PDB file of N, CA and C in Angstrom:
ATOM      1  N   MET A   1      30.251  14.789 -20.033  1.00  0.00           N
ATOM      2  CA  MET A   1      31.341  14.192 -19.665  1.00  0.00           C
ATOM      3  C   MET A   1      31.929  13.533 -21.031  1.00  0.00           C
ATOM      4  N   ARG A   2      33.114  13.356 -20.854  1.00  0.00           N
ATOM      5  CA  ARG A   2      34.194  13.519 -21.938  1.00  0.00           C
ATOM      6  C   ARG A   2      34.852  11.781 -21.508  1.00  0.00           C
ATOM      7  N   GLY A   3      35.016  11.036 -22.526  1.00  0.00           N
ATOM      8  CA  GLY A   3      36.165   9.672 -22.230  1.00  0.00           C
ATOM      9  C   GLY A   3      37.463  10.047 -22.570  1.00  0.00           C
ATOM     10  N   SER A   4      38.484   9.357 -22.208  1.00  0.00           N
ATOM     11  CA  SER A   4      39.502   9.933 -22.544  1.00  0.00           C
ATOM     12  C   SER A   4      40.147  10.429 -24.299  1.00  0.00           C
ATOM     13  N   ASP A   5      39.350   9.978 -24.464  1.00  0.00           N
ATOM     14  CA  ASP A   5      39.131   9.993 -26.470  1.00  0.00           C
ATOM     15  C   ASP A   5      38.686  11.275 -26.876  1.00  0.00           C
ATOM     16  N   GLY A   6      37.991  12.045 -25.700  1.00  0.00           N
ATOM     17  CA  GLY A   6      37.407  13.278 -26.118  1.00  0.00           C
ATOM     18  C   GLY A   6      35.788  12.936 -26.353  1.00  0.00           C
ATOM     19  N   ALA A   7      35.312  12.101 -26.628  1.00  0.00           N
ATOM     20  CA  ALA A   7      34.153  11.835 -27.103  1.00  0.00           C
ATOM     21  C   ALA A   7      32.845  11.489 -25.953  1.00  0.00           C
ATOM     22  N   ALA A   8      31.851  12.424 -25.957  1.00  0.00           N
ATOM     23  CA  ALA A   8      30.788  12.341 -25.618  1.00  0.00           C
ATOM     24  C   ALA A   8      30.504  11.286 -24.499  1.00  0.00           C
ATOM     25  N   VAL A   9      30.363  10.800 -23.661  1.00  0.00           N
ATOM     26  CA  VAL A   9      29.791   9.737 -22.696  1.00  0.00           C
ATOM     27  C   VAL A   9      28.174  10.127 -21.946  1.00  0.00           C
ATOM     28  N   LEU A  10      27.587   9.510 -22.308  1.00  0.00           N
ATOM     29  CA  LEU A  10      26.129   9.918 -21.433  1.00  0.00           C
ATOM     30  C   LEU A  10      25.703   8.923 -20.431  1.00  0.00           C
ATOM     31  N   LEU A  11      25.561   9.311 -19.324  1.00  0.00           N
ATOM     32  CA  LEU A  11      25.351   8.824 -18.203  1.00  0.00           C
ATOM     33  C   LEU A  11      23.869   9.260 -17.615  1.00  0.00           C
ATOM     34  N   ASP A  12      23.308   7.781 -17.366  1.00  0.00           N
ATOM     35  CA  ASP A  12      22.204   7.897 -16.685  1.00  0.00           C
ATOM     36  C   ASP A  12      22.092   8.047 -15.270  1.00  0.00           C
ATOM     37  N   LEU A  13      22.094   9.205 -14.372  1.00  0.00           N
ATOM     38  CA  LEU A  13      22.197   8.800 -12.886  1.00  0.00           C
ATOM     39  C   LEU A  13      21.095   9.008 -12.062  1.00  0.00           C
ATOM     40  N   GLU A  14      20.020   8.852 -12.699  1.00  0.00           N
ATOM     41  CA  GLU A  14      18.545   8.988 -12.279  1.00  0.00           C
ATOM     42  C   GLU A  14      18.652   8.290 -11.041  1.00  0.00           C
ATOM     43  N   ARG A  15      19.232   6.956 -11.012  1.00  0.00           N
ATOM     44  CA  ARG A  15      19.129   6.202  -9.680  1.00  0.00           C
ATOM     45  C   ARG A  15      20.419   5.923  -9.171  1.00  0.00           C
ATOM     46  N   PHE A  16      21.365   6.658  -9.642  1.00  0.00           N
ATOM     47  CA  PHE A  16      22.999   6.526  -9.125  1.00  0.00           C
ATOM     48  C   PHE A  16      22.833   7.297  -7.340  1.00  0.00           C
ATOM     49  N   SER A  17      23.730   6.358  -6.411  1.00  0.00           N
ATOM     50  CA  SER A  17      23.401   6.210  -5.308  1.00  0.00           C
ATOM     51  C   SER A  17      24.394   5.657  -4.523  1.00  0.00           C
ATOM     52  N   VAL A  18      24.897   5.804  -3.260  1.00  0.00           N
ATOM     53  CA  VAL A  18      25.788   5.152  -2.806  1.00  0.00           C
ATOM     54  C   VAL A  18      25.021   4.407  -1.300  1.00  0.00           C
ATOM     55  N   GLY A  19      25.420   3.105  -0.949  1.00  0.00           N
ATOM     56  CA  GLY A  19      24.441   1.970  -0.490  1.00  0.00           C
ATOM     57  C   GLY A  19      25.163   0.767  -0.428  1.00  0.00           C
ATOM     58  N   PRO A  20      24.391   0.440   0.680  1.00  0.00           N
ATOM     59  CA  PRO A  20      24.686  -1.099   0.557  1.00  0.00           C
ATOM     60  C   PRO A  20      24.668  -2.031  -0.336  1.00  0.00           C
ATOM     61  N   ARG A  21      25.278  -2.983  -0.886  1.00  0.00           N
ATOM     62  CA  ARG A  21      25.410  -3.434  -2.595  1.00  0.00           C
ATOM     63  C   ARG A  21      24.069  -4.758  -2.333  1.00  0.00           C
ATOM     64  N   GLU A  22      23.370  -5.051  -1.225  1.00  0.00           N
ATOM     65  CA  GLU A  22      22.467  -5.768  -1.125  1.00  0.00           C
ATOM     66  C   GLU A  22      21.347  -5.319  -1.730  1.00  0.00           C
ATOM     67  N   TRP A  23      21.161  -3.570  -1.744  1.00  0.00           N
ATOM     68  CA  TRP A  23      19.639  -3.099  -2.417  1.00  0.00           C
ATOM     69  C   TRP A  23      19.751  -3.194  -3.660  1.00  0.00           C
ATOM     70  N   ASP A  24      20.936  -3.466  -4.454  1.00  0.00           N
ATOM     71  CA  ASP A  24      21.151  -3.317  -5.607  1.00  0.00           C
ATOM     72  C   ASP A  24      20.995  -5.100  -6.293  1.00  0.00           C
ATOM     73  N   LEU A  25      21.661  -5.813  -5.618  1.00  0.00           N
ATOM     74  CA  LEU A  25      21.696  -7.312  -5.670  1.00  0.00           C
ATOM     75  C   LEU A  25      20.448  -7.872  -5.287  1.00  0.00           C
ATOM     76  N   VAL A  26      19.210  -7.238  -4.765  1.00  0.00           N
ATOM     77  CA  VAL A  26      18.221  -7.895  -4.743  1.00  0.00           C
ATOM     78  C   VAL A  26      17.267  -8.098  -5.679  1.00  0.00           C
ATOM     79  N   VAL A  27      17.489  -7.471  -6.623  1.00  0.00           N
ATOM     80  CA  VAL A  27      16.783  -6.957  -7.629  1.00  0.00           C
ATOM     81  C   VAL A  27      16.574  -8.657  -8.698  1.00  0.00           C
ATOM     82  N   ALA A  28      18.067  -8.752  -9.131  1.00  0.00           N
ATOM     83  CA  ALA A  28      18.118  -9.690  -9.696  1.00  0.00           C
ATOM     84  C   ALA A  28      17.454 -11.228  -9.082  1.00  0.00           C
ATOM     85  N   ALA A  29      17.777 -11.211  -7.499  1.00  0.00           N
ATOM     86  CA  ALA A  29      17.154 -12.606  -6.801  1.00  0.00           C
ATOM     87  C   ALA A  29      15.591 -12.481  -6.747  1.00  0.00           C
ATOM     88  N   VAL A  30      15.073 -11.054  -6.683  1.00  0.00           N
ATOM     89  CA  VAL A  30      13.586 -11.242  -6.851  1.00  0.00           C
ATOM     90  C   VAL A  30      13.323 -11.564  -8.353  1.00  0.00           C
ATOM     91  N   TYR A  31      13.828 -10.864  -9.147  1.00  0.00           N
ATOM     92  CA  TYR A  31      13.513 -11.493 -10.604  1.00  0.00           C
ATOM     93  C   TYR A  31      13.381 -12.799 -10.985  1.00  0.00           C
ATOM     94  N   GLU A  32      14.569 -13.680 -10.194  1.00  0.00           N
ATOM     95  CA  GLU A  32      14.811 -15.149 -10.492  1.00  0.00           C
ATOM     96  C   GLU A  32      13.417 -15.284  -9.364  1.00  0.00           C
ATOM     97  N   ARG A  33      13.041 -15.123  -8.396  1.00  0.00           N
ATOM     98  CA  ARG A  33      12.194 -15.416  -7.821  1.00  0.00           C
ATOM     99  C   ARG A  33      10.221 -15.752  -8.720  1.00  0.00           C
ATOM    100  N   LEU A  34      10.718 -14.552  -9.296  1.00  0.00           N
ATOM    101  CA  LEU A  34       9.266 -14.584 -10.003  1.00  0.00           C
ATOM    102  C   LEU A  34       9.141 -15.092 -11.378  1.00  0.00           C
ATOM    103  N   GLY A  35      10.757 -15.658 -11.558  1.00  0.00           N
ATOM    104  CA  GLY A  35      10.585 -16.240 -12.931  1.00  0.00           C
ATOM    105  C   GLY A  35      10.701 -15.288 -14.103  1.00  0.00           C
ATOM    106  N   TRP A  36      11.580 -14.073 -13.530  1.00  0.00           N
ATOM    107  CA  TRP A  36      11.854 -13.416 -14.777  1.00  0.00           C
ATOM    108  C   TRP A  36      13.125 -13.787 -15.253  1.00  0.00           C
ATOM    109  N   TYR A  37      13.936 -14.177 -14.503  1.00  0.00           N
ATOM    110  CA  TYR A  37      15.334 -14.625 -14.847  1.00  0.00           C
ATOM    111  C   TYR A  37      15.497 -15.840 -14.502  1.00  0.00           C
ATOM    112  N   SER A  38      15.911 -16.975 -15.444  1.00  0.00           N
ATOM    113  CA  SER A  38      16.178 -18.700 -15.315  1.00  0.00           C
ATOM    114  C   SER A  38      17.131 -18.488 -14.037  1.00  0.00           C
ATOM    115  N   THR A  39      17.131 -19.659 -13.381  1.00  0.00           N
ATOM    116  CA  THR A  39      17.919 -19.922 -12.343  1.00  0.00           C
ATOM    117  C   THR A  39      19.285 -19.975 -12.850  1.00  0.00           C
ATOM    118  N   GLN A  40      19.542 -20.620 -13.941  1.00  0.00           N
ATOM    119  CA  GLN A  40      20.794 -20.558 -14.673  1.00  0.00           C
ATOM    120  C   GLN A  40      21.159 -19.187 -14.606  1.00  0.00           C
ATOM    121  N   GLU A  41      20.892 -18.203 -14.865  1.00  0.00           N
ATOM    122  CA  GLU A  41      20.707 -16.780 -15.241  1.00  0.00           C
ATOM    123  C   GLU A  41      21.461 -16.341 -13.668  1.00  0.00           C
ATOM    124  N   TYR A  42      20.387 -16.326 -13.087  1.00  0.00           N
ATOM    125  CA  TYR A  42      20.767 -16.028 -11.648  1.00  0.00           C
ATOM    126  C   TYR A  42      22.077 -16.591 -11.016  1.00  0.00           C
ATOM    127  N   ALA A  43      22.151 -17.930 -11.183  1.00  0.00           N
ATOM    128  CA  ALA A  43      23.591 -18.416 -10.608  1.00  0.00           C
ATOM    129  C   ALA A  43      24.670 -17.798 -11.371  1.00  0.00           C
ATOM    130  N   GLY A  44      25.045 -17.435 -12.302  1.00  0.00           N
ATOM    131  CA  GLY A  44      25.288 -17.154 -13.098  1.00  0.00           C
ATOM    132  C   GLY A  44      26.040 -15.555 -12.747  1.00  0.00           C
ATOM    133  N   PHE A  45      25.027 -15.027 -12.634  1.00  0.00           N
ATOM    134  CA  PHE A  45      24.918 -13.619 -12.113  1.00  0.00           C
ATOM    135  C   PHE A  45      25.633 -13.337 -10.437  1.00  0.00           C
ATOM    136  N   ALA A  46      25.003 -14.621  -9.919  1.00  0.00           N
ATOM    137  CA  ALA A  46      25.431 -14.458  -8.331  1.00  0.00           C
ATOM    138  C   ALA A  46      26.972 -14.845  -8.257  1.00  0.00           C
ATOM    139  N   ASP A  47      27.444 -16.065  -9.202  1.00  0.00           N
ATOM    140  CA  ASP A  47      28.769 -16.350  -9.290  1.00  0.00           C
ATOM    141  C   ASP A  47      29.811 -15.244  -9.891  1.00  0.00           C
ATOM    142  N   ALA A  48      29.749 -14.581 -10.771  1.00  0.00           N
ATOM    143  CA  ALA A  48      30.028 -13.647 -11.273  1.00  0.00           C
ATOM    144  C   ALA A  48      30.753 -12.214 -10.362  1.00  0.00           C
ATOM    145  N   TYR A  49      29.240 -11.981  -9.566  1.00  0.00           N
ATOM    146  CA  TYR A  49      29.614 -11.221  -8.295  1.00  0.00           C
ATOM    147  C   TYR A  49      30.313 -11.481  -7.345  1.00  0.00           C
ATOM    148  N   GLY A  50      30.473 -12.870  -7.043  1.00  0.00           N
ATOM    149  CA  GLY A  50      30.921 -13.477  -6.068  1.00  0.00           C
ATOM    150  C   GLY A  50      30.263 -13.378  -4.696  1.00  0.00           C
ATOM    151  N   PHE A  51      28.945 -13.084  -4.769  1.00  0.00           N
ATOM    152  CA  PHE A  51      28.050 -13.065  -3.857  1.00  0.00           C
ATOM    153  C   PHE A  51      26.590 -13.494  -4.143  1.00  0.00           C
ATOM    154  N   ASP A  52      25.997 -14.369  -2.736  1.00  0.00           N
ATOM    155  CA  ASP A  52      24.686 -14.507  -3.808  1.00  0.00           C
ATOM    156  C   ASP A  52      23.887 -14.072  -2.300  1.00  0.00           C
ATOM    157  N   ILE A  53      22.980 -13.185  -2.794  1.00  0.00           N
ATOM    158  CA  ILE A  53      22.439 -12.061  -1.704  1.00  0.00           C
ATOM    159  C   ILE A  53      21.131 -13.278  -0.853  1.00  0.00           C
ATOM    160  N   THR A  54      20.589 -14.495  -1.521  1.00  0.00           N
ATOM    161  CA  THR A  54      19.783 -15.172  -1.167  1.00  0.00           C
ATOM    162  C   THR A  54      20.408 -16.208   0.345  1.00  0.00           C
ATOM    163  N   ASP A  55      21.521 -15.927   0.347  1.00  0.00           N
ATOM    164  CA  ASP A  55      22.141 -16.432   1.691  1.00  0.00           C
ATOM    165  C   ASP A  55      22.500 -15.764   2.225  1.00  0.00           C
ATOM    166  N   TRP A  56      22.331 -14.414   2.370  1.00  0.00           N
ATOM    167  CA  TRP A  56      21.880 -13.166   3.632  1.00  0.00           C
ATOM    168  C   TRP A  56      21.063 -13.798   4.388  1.00  0.00           C
ATOM    169  N   SER A  57      21.016 -12.913   5.448  1.00  0.00           N
ATOM    170  CA  SER A  57      20.517 -13.330   6.473  1.00  0.00           C
ATOM    171  C   SER A  57      18.891 -12.374   6.458  1.00  0.00           C
ATOM    172  N   GLY A  58      19.302 -11.185   5.670  1.00  0.00           N
ATOM    173  CA  GLY A  58      18.486 -10.327   5.470  1.00  0.00           C
ATOM    174  C   GLY A  58      17.703 -10.096   3.980  1.00  0.00           C
ATOM    175  N   PHE A  59      17.967 -11.226   3.788  1.00  0.00           N
ATOM    176  CA  PHE A  59      17.377 -11.193   2.050  1.00  0.00           C
ATOM    177  C   PHE A  59      15.780 -11.269   1.969  1.00  0.00           C
ATOM    178  N   ASP A  60      14.762 -12.304   3.022  1.00  0.00           N
ATOM    179  CA  ASP A  60      13.803 -11.827   2.755  1.00  0.00           C
ATOM    180  C   ASP A  60      13.084 -10.807   3.168  1.00  0.00           C
ATOM    181  N   VAL A  61      13.249 -10.074   4.282  1.00  0.00           N
ATOM    182  CA  VAL A  61      13.389  -8.561   4.396  1.00  0.00           C
ATOM    183  C   VAL A  61      13.263  -7.744   3.164  1.00  0.00           C
ATOM    184  N   LEU A  62      14.640  -7.872   2.696  1.00  0.00           N
ATOM    185  CA  LEU A  62      14.755  -6.977   1.781  1.00  0.00           C
ATOM    186  C   LEU A  62      13.699  -7.160   0.098  1.00  0.00           C
ATOM    187  N   ALA A  63      13.847  -8.320   0.066  1.00  0.00           N
ATOM    188  CA  ALA A  63      13.140  -8.898  -0.834  1.00  0.00           C
ATOM    189  C   ALA A  63      11.516  -8.659  -0.886  1.00  0.00           C
ATOM    190  N   ALA A  64      11.051  -8.668   0.414  1.00  0.00           N
ATOM    191  CA  ALA A  64       9.737  -7.859   0.724  1.00  0.00           C
ATOM    192  C   ALA A  64       9.571  -6.835   0.480  1.00  0.00           C
ATOM    193  N   MET A  65      10.546  -5.890   0.682  1.00  0.00           N
ATOM    194  CA  MET A  65      10.510  -4.190   0.557  1.00  0.00           C
ATOM    195  C   MET A  65      10.578  -4.225  -1.024  1.00  0.00           C
ATOM    196  N   ARG A  66      11.363  -4.806  -1.694  1.00  0.00           N
ATOM    197  CA  ARG A  66      11.398  -4.800  -3.475  1.00  0.00           C
ATOM    198  C   ARG A  66      10.457  -5.082  -4.160  1.00  0.00           C
ATOM    199  N   ARG A  67       9.584  -6.060  -3.354  1.00  0.00           N
ATOM    200  CA  ARG A  67       8.666  -6.354  -4.330  1.00  0.00           C
ATOM    201  C   ARG A  67       7.156  -5.229  -3.578  1.00  0.00           C
ATOM    202  N   LEU A  68       6.883  -4.507  -2.607  1.00  0.00           N
ATOM    203  CA  LEU A  68       6.206  -3.794  -2.425  1.00  0.00           C
ATOM    204  C   LEU A  68       6.373  -2.409  -3.268  1.00  0.00           C
ATOM    205  N   ARG A  69       7.808  -2.170  -3.494  1.00  0.00           N
ATOM    206  CA  ARG A  69       8.314  -1.193  -4.001  1.00  0.00           C
ATOM    207  C   ARG A  69       7.897  -1.497  -5.275  1.00  0.00           C
ATOM    208  N   MET A  70       7.970  -2.519  -6.321  1.00  0.00           N
ATOM    209  CA  MET A  70       7.532  -2.540  -7.683  1.00  0.00           C
ATOM    210  C   MET A  70       6.181  -2.502  -7.599  1.00  0.00           C
ATOM    211  N   THR A  71       5.135  -3.215  -6.357  1.00  0.00           N
ATOM    212  CA  THR A  71       3.972  -3.124  -6.615  1.00  0.00           C
ATOM    213  C   THR A  71       3.507  -1.612  -6.724  1.00  0.00           C
ATOM    214  N   ALA A  72       4.268  -0.879  -5.407  1.00  0.00           N
ATOM    215  CA  ALA A  72       3.268   0.325  -5.317  1.00  0.00           C
ATOM    216  C   ALA A  72       3.827   1.383  -6.930  1.00  0.00           C
ATOM    217  N   TRP A  73       4.919   1.040  -7.365  1.00  0.00           N
ATOM    218  CA  TRP A  73       5.302   1.786  -8.706  1.00  0.00           C
ATOM    219  C   TRP A  73       4.174   1.581 -10.001  1.00  0.00           C
ATOM    220  N   LEU A  74       4.142  -0.008 -10.000  1.00  0.00           N
ATOM    221  CA  LEU A  74       2.810   0.206 -10.864  1.00  0.00           C
ATOM    222  C   LEU A  74       1.182   0.321 -10.651  1.00  0.00           C
ATOM    223  N   CYS A  75       0.909   0.477  -8.905  1.00  0.00           N
ATOM    224  CA  CYS A  75      -0.429   0.828  -9.119  1.00  0.00           C
ATOM    225  C   CYS A  75       0.081   2.293  -9.061  1.00  0.00           C
ATOM    226  N   ALA A  76       0.643   3.218  -9.098  1.00  0.00           N
ATOM    227  CA  ALA A  76       1.236   4.906  -9.014  1.00  0.00           C
ATOM    228  C   ALA A  76       0.636   4.788 -10.851  1.00  0.00           C
ATOM    229  N   ARG A  77       1.110   3.767 -11.839  1.00  0.00           N
ATOM    230  CA  ARG A  77       0.425   3.933 -12.945  1.00  0.00           C
ATOM    231  C   ARG A  77      -1.090   4.065 -13.375  1.00  0.00           C
ATOM    232  N   THR A  78      -1.832   3.286 -12.316  1.00  0.00           N
ATOM    233  CA  THR A  78      -2.917   2.538 -13.099  1.00  0.00           C
ATOM    234  C   THR A  78      -3.750   3.931 -13.233  1.00  0.00           C
ATOM    235  N   GLY A  79      -3.566   4.808 -12.973  1.00  0.00           N
ATOM    236  CA  GLY A  79      -4.995   6.041 -13.190  1.00  0.00           C
ATOM    237  C   GLY A  79      -4.434   6.623 -14.321  1.00  0.00           C
ATOM    238  N   ARG A  80      -3.652   6.498 -15.358  1.00  0.00           N
ATOM    239  CA  ARG A  80      -3.299   6.698 -16.674  1.00  0.00           C
ATOM    240  C   ARG A  80      -3.029   5.922 -17.512  1.00  0.00           C
ATOM    241  N   GLU A  81      -3.154   4.780 -16.699  1.00  0.00           N
ATOM    242  CA  GLU A  81      -2.842   3.380 -17.597  1.00  0.00           C
ATOM    243  C   GLU A  81      -3.840   1.838 -16.928  1.00  0.00           C
ATOM    244  N   PRO A  82      -5.032   2.277 -17.447  1.00  0.00           N
ATOM    245  CA  PRO A  82      -6.168   1.129 -16.309  1.00  0.00           C
ATOM    246  C   PRO A  82      -6.002  -0.064 -16.788  1.00  0.00           C
ATOM    247  N   HIS A  83      -5.493  -0.253 -17.948  1.00  0.00           N
ATOM    248  CA  HIS A  83      -5.190  -1.662 -18.391  1.00  0.00           C
ATOM    249  C   HIS A  83      -3.843  -2.315 -17.512  1.00  0.00           C
ATOM    250  N   LEU A  84      -3.219  -1.774 -16.519  1.00  0.00           N
ATOM    251  CA  LEU A  84      -2.525  -2.019 -15.422  1.00  0.00           C
ATOM    252  C   LEU A  84      -2.935  -2.904 -14.571  1.00  0.00           C
ATOM    253  N   LEU A  85      -4.492  -2.317 -14.291  1.00  0.00           N
ATOM    254  CA  LEU A  85      -5.381  -2.709 -12.953  1.00  0.00           C
ATOM    255  C   LEU A  85      -4.894  -4.375 -12.486  1.00  0.00           C
ATOM    256  N   PRO A  86      -5.414  -4.953 -13.414  1.00  0.00           N
ATOM    257  CA  PRO A  86      -5.456  -6.493 -13.174  1.00  0.00           C
ATOM    258  C   PRO A  86      -3.817  -7.039 -12.756  1.00  0.00           C
ATOM    259  N   GLU A  87      -2.897  -6.423 -13.139  1.00  0.00           N
ATOM    260  CA  GLU A  87      -1.698  -6.984 -13.031  1.00  0.00           C
ATOM    261  C   GLU A  87      -1.489  -6.102 -11.199  1.00  0.00           C
ATOM    262  N   ALA A  88      -2.300  -4.990 -11.102  1.00  0.00           N
ATOM    263  CA  ALA A  88      -1.706  -4.062 -10.208  1.00  0.00           C
ATOM    264  C   ALA A  88      -2.535  -5.220  -8.475  1.00  0.00           C
ATOM    265  N   ARG A  89      -3.849  -5.537  -9.405  1.00  0.00           N
ATOM    266  CA  ARG A  89      -4.562  -6.220  -8.274  1.00  0.00           C
ATOM    267  C   ARG A  89      -3.981  -7.382  -7.839  1.00  0.00           C
ATOM    268  N   ARG A  90      -3.152  -8.311  -9.101  1.00  0.00           N
ATOM    269  CA  ARG A  90      -2.792  -9.689  -8.773  1.00  0.00           C
ATOM    270  C   ARG A  90      -1.640  -9.306  -7.608  1.00  0.00           C
ATOM    271  N   ARG A  91      -0.519  -8.331  -8.124  1.00  0.00           N
ATOM    272  CA  ARG A  91       0.598  -8.183  -7.183  1.00  0.00           C
ATOM    273  C   ARG A  91       0.197  -7.984  -6.025  1.00  0.00           C
ATOM    274  N   ILE A  92      -0.856  -7.029  -5.631  1.00  0.00           N
ATOM    275  CA  ILE A  92      -1.471  -6.753  -4.408  1.00  0.00           C
ATOM    276  C   ILE A  92      -1.871  -8.287  -3.367  1.00  0.00           C
ATOM    277  N   ALA A  93      -2.198  -9.197  -4.224  1.00  0.00           N
ATOM    278  CA  ALA A  93      -3.304 -10.288  -3.398  1.00  0.00           C
ATOM    279  C   ALA A  93      -2.102 -11.229  -3.097  1.00  0.00           C
ATOM    280  N   SER A  94      -1.006 -10.889  -3.881  1.00  0.00           N
ATOM    281  CA  SER A  94       0.347 -11.721  -3.437  1.00  0.00           C
ATOM    282  C   SER A  94       1.022 -11.488  -2.629  1.00  0.00           C
ATOM    283  N   LEU A  95       1.048  -9.995  -2.205  1.00  0.00           N
ATOM    284  CA  LEU A  95       1.295  -9.070  -1.129  1.00  0.00           C
ATOM    285  C   LEU A  95       0.975  -9.360   0.261  1.00  0.00           C
ATOM    286  N   ARG A  96      -0.343  -9.923  -0.131  1.00  0.00           N
ATOM    287  CA  ARG A  96      -0.927  -9.996   0.806  1.00  0.00           C
ATOM    288  C   ARG A  96      -1.293 -11.479   1.758  1.00  0.00           C
ATOM    289  N   ASP A  97      -1.015 -12.452   0.697  1.00  0.00           N
ATOM    290  CA  ASP A  97      -0.658 -13.761   1.117  1.00  0.00           C
ATOM    291  C   ASP A  97       0.323 -14.181   0.569  1.00  0.00           C
ATOM    292  N   PRO A  98       1.567 -14.534   1.115  1.00  0.00           N
ATOM    293  CA  PRO A  98       2.806 -14.921   0.463  1.00  0.00           C
ATOM    294  C   PRO A  98       2.813 -16.299   0.005  1.00  0.00           C
ATOM    295  N   ARG A  99       1.716 -17.221   0.453  1.00  0.00           N
ATOM    296  CA  ARG A  99       1.803 -18.540  -0.192  1.00  0.00           C
ATOM    297  C   ARG A  99       1.379 -18.202  -1.244  1.00  0.00           C
ATOM    298  N   ALA A 100       0.620 -17.216  -1.569  1.00  0.00           N
ATOM    299  CA  ALA A 100      -0.256 -17.170  -3.129  1.00  0.00           C
ATOM    300  C   ALA A 100       1.229 -17.227  -3.931  1.00  0.00           C
ATOM    301  N   PRO A 101       0.628 -17.545  -5.631  1.00  0.00           N
ATOM    302  CA  PRO A 101       1.769 -17.480  -6.407  1.00  0.00           C
ATOM    303  C   PRO A 101       1.933 -16.237  -6.578  1.00  0.00           C
ATOM    304  N   HIS A 102       3.169 -16.033  -7.141  1.00  0.00           N
ATOM    305  CA  HIS A 102       3.682 -14.294  -7.536  1.00  0.00           C
ATOM    306  C   HIS A 102       3.802 -14.630  -8.994  1.00  0.00           C
ATOM    307  N   THR A 103       2.781 -14.931  -9.671  1.00  0.00           N
ATOM    308  CA  THR A 103       2.877 -14.681 -11.314  1.00  0.00           C
ATOM    309  C   THR A 103       2.993 -13.667 -11.437  1.00  0.00           C
ATOM    310  N   TRP A 104       3.863 -12.600 -11.344  1.00  0.00           N
ATOM    311  CA  TRP A 104       3.633 -10.982 -12.171  1.00  0.00           C
ATOM    312  C   TRP A 104       4.329 -11.595 -13.353  1.00  0.00           C
ATOM    313  N   THR A 105       3.954 -10.213 -14.464  1.00  0.00           N
ATOM    314  CA  THR A 105       4.508 -10.021 -15.562  1.00  0.00           C
ATOM    315  C   THR A 105       5.077  -8.938 -15.636  1.00  0.00           C
ATOM    316  N   PRO A 106       6.588  -9.489 -15.983  1.00  0.00           N
ATOM    317  CA  PRO A 106       7.208  -8.405 -15.986  1.00  0.00           C
ATOM    318  C   PRO A 106       6.987  -7.180 -17.334  1.00  0.00           C
ATOM    319  N   GLY A 107       7.807  -5.874 -17.102  1.00  0.00           N
ATOM    320  CA  GLY A 107       7.671  -5.178 -17.883  1.00  0.00           C
ATOM    321  C   GLY A 107       6.277  -4.464 -18.147  1.00  0.00           C
ATOM    322  N   THR A 108       5.364  -4.715 -17.159  1.00  0.00           N
ATOM    323  CA  THR A 108       4.212  -3.874 -16.929  1.00  0.00           C
ATOM    324  C   THR A 108       4.063  -2.732 -15.977  1.00  0.00           C
TER     325      THR A 108
END
C-alpha cells in the first residue's frame, strides 16, 4: 500500500475487522478499571470519542468477556513462559470471585 506521495505505508491488519464500536471501546474502560489507565486518561478518551461505554447497558457483560479473553490469552502462554503462572492464577481467582481485587499486572 502506498500513500498519496508514493511512500510505502505499513499497516497491521491482524485485528482489523468490522463490528460494533463497543467491542473496541471496552478495552480502554477495562484497562481503567484495572488501574492501567488513570481515571483522567479514560475520561479524556471517552470525551474525545464522544461516548462512554461504561454508561451503556451492556458494559458489564462485555467487560467480563474482555477480562476472560485477556485471561485465556495469558493462560495459553504459561506452557512456554511458566513465570506467568502466578499472574494467570491471580486473574483466574479474580474471575471466579467478582468481589476479589482485580490486581492484574499489565504487559505480562
